[in-house]
Every structure is written in C-alpha cells, then in structure tokens.
N, C-alpha and C. Protein backbone atom coordinates (compact mmCIF):
# COMPACT_ATOMS: atom_id res chain seq x y z
N MET A 1 6.22 -32.08 -16.16
CA MET A 1 5.45 -33.18 -15.94
C MET A 1 5.42 -33.14 -14.33
N LYS A 2 4.24 -33.31 -13.72
CA LYS A 2 3.57 -33.02 -12.49
C LYS A 2 4.25 -34.36 -11.45
N LYS A 3 4.79 -34.29 -10.36
CA LYS A 3 5.61 -35.21 -9.69
C LYS A 3 4.25 -36.07 -8.72
N ASP A 4 4.54 -37.33 -8.55
CA ASP A 4 3.85 -37.99 -7.81
C ASP A 4 1.88 -38.19 -8.42
N ILE A 5 2.09 -38.30 -9.79
CA ILE A 5 0.79 -38.26 -10.20
C ILE A 5 0.59 -39.67 -10.99
N HIS A 6 1.87 -40.02 -11.16
CA HIS A 6 1.68 -41.32 -12.29
C HIS A 6 2.14 -42.65 -11.26
N PRO A 7 1.30 -43.63 -11.96
CA PRO A 7 1.74 -44.98 -11.17
C PRO A 7 3.04 -45.36 -11.29
N GLU A 8 3.59 -45.90 -10.52
CA GLU A 8 5.12 -46.52 -10.43
C GLU A 8 5.14 -48.18 -11.06
N ASN A 9 4.06 -48.50 -10.82
CA ASN A 9 3.92 -50.20 -11.27
C ASN A 9 3.65 -50.50 -12.68
N TYR A 10 4.28 -49.70 -13.69
CA TYR A 10 4.33 -50.07 -14.96
C TYR A 10 4.92 -51.26 -15.28
N ARG A 11 4.43 -52.42 -15.93
CA ARG A 11 4.97 -53.36 -16.23
C ARG A 11 4.23 -53.93 -17.37
N LEU A 12 4.98 -55.06 -18.00
CA LEU A 12 4.08 -55.76 -19.27
C LEU A 12 3.19 -56.64 -19.05
N VAL A 13 1.92 -56.40 -19.37
CA VAL A 13 0.73 -57.46 -19.13
C VAL A 13 0.37 -57.90 -20.69
N ALA A 14 -0.26 -59.11 -20.56
CA ALA A 14 -0.86 -59.81 -21.42
C ALA A 14 -2.50 -59.23 -21.49
N PHE A 15 -2.87 -59.06 -22.69
CA PHE A 15 -4.45 -58.61 -22.53
C PHE A 15 -5.15 -59.57 -23.65
N LYS A 16 -5.78 -60.28 -23.24
CA LYS A 16 -6.50 -61.61 -23.90
C LYS A 16 -7.88 -61.08 -24.50
N ASP A 17 -8.52 -61.07 -25.73
CA ASP A 17 -9.75 -60.86 -26.03
C ASP A 17 -10.42 -62.19 -25.94
N MET A 18 -11.73 -62.34 -25.35
CA MET A 18 -12.06 -63.64 -25.05
C MET A 18 -12.95 -63.99 -25.94
N SER A 19 -13.22 -63.44 -27.07
CA SER A 19 -14.13 -63.53 -28.18
C SER A 19 -13.70 -64.02 -29.27
N ASN A 20 -12.21 -64.07 -29.37
CA ASN A 20 -11.57 -64.75 -30.35
C ASN A 20 -10.06 -65.28 -29.87
N GLU A 21 -10.01 -65.20 -28.59
CA GLU A 21 -8.59 -65.94 -28.10
C GLU A 21 -7.28 -65.04 -28.70
N GLU A 22 -7.45 -63.85 -29.01
CA GLU A 22 -6.15 -62.94 -29.21
C GLU A 22 -5.54 -62.41 -28.45
N VAL A 23 -4.26 -62.46 -28.15
CA VAL A 23 -3.37 -62.00 -27.12
C VAL A 23 -2.49 -60.85 -27.50
N PHE A 24 -2.49 -59.76 -26.88
CA PHE A 24 -1.29 -58.96 -27.34
C PHE A 24 -0.96 -58.14 -26.08
N ILE A 25 0.45 -58.03 -25.95
CA ILE A 25 1.10 -57.66 -24.52
C ILE A 25 1.72 -56.25 -24.88
N THR A 26 1.32 -55.33 -23.58
CA THR A 26 1.59 -53.98 -23.65
C THR A 26 2.00 -53.73 -22.39
N LYS A 27 2.34 -52.27 -22.02
CA LYS A 27 2.62 -51.94 -20.46
C LYS A 27 1.34 -51.31 -19.65
N SER A 28 0.95 -51.91 -18.51
CA SER A 28 -0.22 -51.36 -17.75
C SER A 28 0.05 -51.35 -16.37
N ALA A 29 -0.58 -50.45 -15.79
CA ALA A 29 -0.34 -50.43 -14.24
C ALA A 29 -1.57 -51.32 -13.69
N ALA A 30 -2.50 -51.49 -14.30
CA ALA A 30 -3.88 -52.23 -13.72
C ALA A 30 -3.50 -53.81 -12.78
N GLU A 31 -4.20 -53.94 -12.04
CA GLU A 31 -3.71 -54.89 -11.20
C GLU A 31 -4.72 -56.23 -11.39
N THR A 32 -4.21 -57.39 -11.50
CA THR A 32 -4.81 -58.59 -11.95
C THR A 32 -4.14 -59.65 -10.86
N LYS A 33 -5.18 -60.71 -10.96
CA LYS A 33 -4.63 -61.87 -10.06
C LYS A 33 -4.72 -63.21 -11.06
N GLU A 34 -4.71 -62.90 -12.20
CA GLU A 34 -3.94 -64.27 -13.17
C GLU A 34 -2.94 -63.87 -14.14
N ASN A 35 -2.68 -65.10 -14.43
CA ASN A 35 -1.21 -65.03 -15.27
C ASN A 35 -1.49 -65.86 -16.66
N LEU A 36 -0.73 -65.59 -17.37
CA LEU A 36 -0.78 -66.22 -18.90
C LEU A 36 0.70 -66.46 -19.33
N ASP A 37 0.90 -67.33 -19.58
CA ASP A 37 2.30 -67.91 -20.58
C ASP A 37 2.09 -67.79 -21.87
N VAL A 38 2.96 -66.63 -22.22
CA VAL A 38 3.05 -66.28 -23.59
C VAL A 38 4.60 -66.59 -24.25
N ASP A 39 4.87 -67.62 -25.02
CA ASP A 39 6.12 -68.06 -25.40
C ASP A 39 7.10 -68.24 -24.83
N GLY A 40 6.56 -68.93 -23.28
CA GLY A 40 7.29 -69.22 -22.30
C GLY A 40 7.76 -68.36 -21.28
N VAL A 41 7.09 -67.06 -21.50
CA VAL A 41 7.18 -66.13 -20.26
C VAL A 41 5.97 -65.78 -19.47
N GLU A 42 6.00 -65.60 -18.55
CA GLU A 42 4.45 -65.46 -17.86
C GLU A 42 4.40 -63.83 -17.69
N TYR A 43 2.94 -63.50 -18.00
CA TYR A 43 2.59 -62.00 -17.79
C TYR A 43 1.38 -62.03 -16.95
N PRO A 44 1.26 -61.04 -16.15
CA PRO A 44 -0.20 -60.79 -15.58
C PRO A 44 -1.20 -60.92 -16.83
N LEU A 45 -2.28 -61.26 -16.27
CA LEU A 45 -3.73 -61.22 -17.51
C LEU A 45 -4.56 -60.51 -17.26
N ILE A 46 -4.98 -59.70 -18.04
CA ILE A 46 -6.22 -58.84 -18.28
C ILE A 46 -7.11 -59.20 -19.29
N LYS A 47 -8.56 -60.03 -19.20
CA LYS A 47 -9.56 -60.44 -20.01
C LYS A 47 -10.29 -59.28 -20.74
N LEU A 48 -10.42 -59.19 -21.87
CA LEU A 48 -11.26 -58.29 -22.57
C LEU A 48 -12.43 -58.64 -23.34
N GLU A 49 -13.44 -58.27 -23.43
CA GLU A 49 -14.50 -58.68 -24.18
C GLU A 49 -14.33 -58.46 -25.40
N ILE A 50 -13.96 -57.24 -25.78
CA ILE A 50 -13.84 -56.86 -27.28
C ILE A 50 -12.54 -55.98 -27.23
N SER A 51 -11.86 -56.41 -28.54
CA SER A 51 -10.62 -55.42 -28.68
C SER A 51 -10.80 -54.93 -30.23
N ARG A 52 -9.55 -54.44 -30.60
CA ARG A 52 -9.33 -53.88 -32.25
C ARG A 52 -9.17 -55.28 -33.03
N THR A 53 -9.03 -56.37 -32.70
CA THR A 53 -8.88 -57.86 -33.36
C THR A 53 -10.63 -58.29 -33.57
N SER A 54 -11.54 -57.75 -32.68
CA SER A 54 -13.07 -58.30 -32.68
C SER A 54 -14.10 -57.14 -32.92
N HIS A 55 -13.59 -56.11 -32.61
CA HIS A 55 -14.60 -54.90 -33.06
C HIS A 55 -15.05 -54.60 -34.53
N PRO A 56 -16.41 -54.89 -34.46
CA PRO A 56 -16.88 -54.40 -35.91
C PRO A 56 -16.45 -53.39 -36.69
N PHE A 57 -16.10 -52.34 -36.12
CA PHE A 57 -15.37 -51.11 -36.97
C PHE A 57 -14.31 -51.71 -37.58
N TYR A 58 -13.39 -52.26 -36.76
CA TYR A 58 -11.86 -52.34 -36.83
C TYR A 58 -12.15 -53.50 -38.06
N THR A 59 -12.48 -54.49 -38.07
CA THR A 59 -12.93 -55.64 -38.44
C THR A 59 -13.53 -55.40 -40.03
N GLY A 60 -14.57 -54.65 -40.18
CA GLY A 60 -15.11 -54.16 -41.57
C GLY A 60 -16.29 -54.96 -41.41
N LYS A 61 -16.45 -55.59 -40.42
CA LYS A 61 -18.00 -56.24 -40.42
C LYS A 61 -18.92 -55.71 -39.70
N ALA A 62 -19.10 -54.07 -39.73
CA ALA A 62 -20.29 -53.68 -38.97
C ALA A 62 -21.59 -53.88 -39.51
N LYS A 63 -22.67 -53.78 -39.13
CA LYS A 63 -23.79 -53.78 -39.61
C LYS A 63 -24.91 -53.30 -39.03
N LEU A 64 -25.73 -52.65 -39.67
CA LEU A 64 -26.77 -51.76 -39.42
C LEU A 64 -27.69 -52.57 -38.95
N LEU A 65 -28.21 -52.57 -38.04
CA LEU A 65 -29.47 -53.69 -37.29
C LEU A 65 -30.67 -52.74 -37.02
N ASP A 66 -31.84 -52.81 -37.81
CA ASP A 66 -32.89 -51.94 -37.16
C ASP A 66 -33.69 -52.81 -36.39
N THR A 67 -33.51 -53.25 -35.32
CA THR A 67 -34.62 -54.22 -34.63
C THR A 67 -35.60 -53.15 -34.03
N ALA A 68 -36.74 -54.28 -34.14
CA ALA A 68 -38.12 -53.37 -33.77
C ALA A 68 -38.53 -52.29 -34.28
N GLY A 69 -37.75 -51.79 -35.65
CA GLY A 69 -37.92 -50.76 -36.38
C GLY A 69 -38.02 -49.35 -35.66
N ARG A 70 -36.61 -49.47 -35.04
CA ARG A 70 -36.46 -48.08 -33.98
C ARG A 70 -36.32 -46.76 -35.10
N ILE A 71 -35.79 -46.83 -36.26
CA ILE A 71 -35.56 -46.05 -36.97
C ILE A 71 -36.78 -45.17 -37.37
N ASP A 72 -37.62 -46.19 -37.83
CA ASP A 72 -39.19 -45.73 -38.42
C ASP A 72 -39.72 -45.27 -37.26
N LYS A 73 -39.98 -45.43 -35.99
CA LYS A 73 -40.57 -45.06 -34.70
C LYS A 73 -39.89 -43.58 -34.36
N PHE A 74 -38.89 -43.54 -34.65
CA PHE A 74 -38.25 -42.24 -34.22
C PHE A 74 -38.75 -41.12 -35.59
N LYS A 75 -38.85 -41.67 -36.61
CA LYS A 75 -39.16 -40.83 -37.86
C LYS A 75 -40.69 -40.56 -37.77
N ASN A 76 -41.60 -41.30 -37.33
CA ASN A 76 -42.91 -40.95 -37.19
C ASN A 76 -43.21 -40.07 -36.07
N LYS A 77 -42.45 -40.21 -35.03
CA LYS A 77 -42.80 -39.68 -33.69
C LYS A 77 -42.64 -38.09 -34.07
N TYR A 78 -41.51 -37.69 -34.86
CA TYR A 78 -41.12 -36.44 -35.14
C TYR A 78 -41.56 -35.73 -36.60
N GLU A 79 -42.34 -36.67 -36.97
CA GLU A 79 -42.84 -36.01 -38.26
C GLU A 79 -43.58 -35.05 -38.27
N LYS A 80 -44.49 -34.84 -37.03
CA LYS A 80 -45.22 -33.44 -36.88
C LYS A 80 -44.45 -32.56 -36.86
N PHE A 81 -43.06 -32.46 -36.48
CA PHE A 81 -42.29 -31.34 -36.60
C PHE A 81 -42.02 -30.51 -37.83
N LYS A 82 -41.83 -31.38 -39.01
CA LYS A 82 -41.41 -31.10 -40.44
C LYS A 82 -42.24 -29.86 -40.55
N LYS A 83 -41.79 -29.15 -41.44
CA LYS A 83 -42.39 -27.92 -41.83
C LYS A 83 -43.04 -28.07 -43.64
C-alpha cells in the first residue's frame, strides 16, 4: 500500500436518507458541519437524497416511464436505417 495517500481522519459518521428518514452508520472521512444523536451517541451527519433503502432498484419499485413518448420518437427517428 502506498504511503501518505489515504486520509487519516476516518471516523464513524451517520448517513441519513432524507426521503425516508433512514439512518445508517459507517466510517467516512467526509467533512460535515451537522451532528445527529443516534441511541445516545452523537455522530457527524451526512444527508443523502437517495440510498439503498429508497432507491427503486433496491426496493423493487422500479417503473419504466415513457414520458412524452421518448421510446417511440427514438424508434421513428432511426426507422429509416432499418434494412
């Protein structure tokens, strides 16, 4: 392992998914300005917009939305190249 390329300030950090209020704790070197109390222990807080608990792929709630007929527009545009 190369020396002096890894951060020295690893510590336990609370990551909070803002879409469903899920909190998980893991090690990180990311800088934070906020703290969160979890089970009586205060951790630095990093807010997330999406995580494994709210991402459609992991929750099984993925939906294919064809807004504005994008798939049909693509097919019509490249129809002339079909043999």
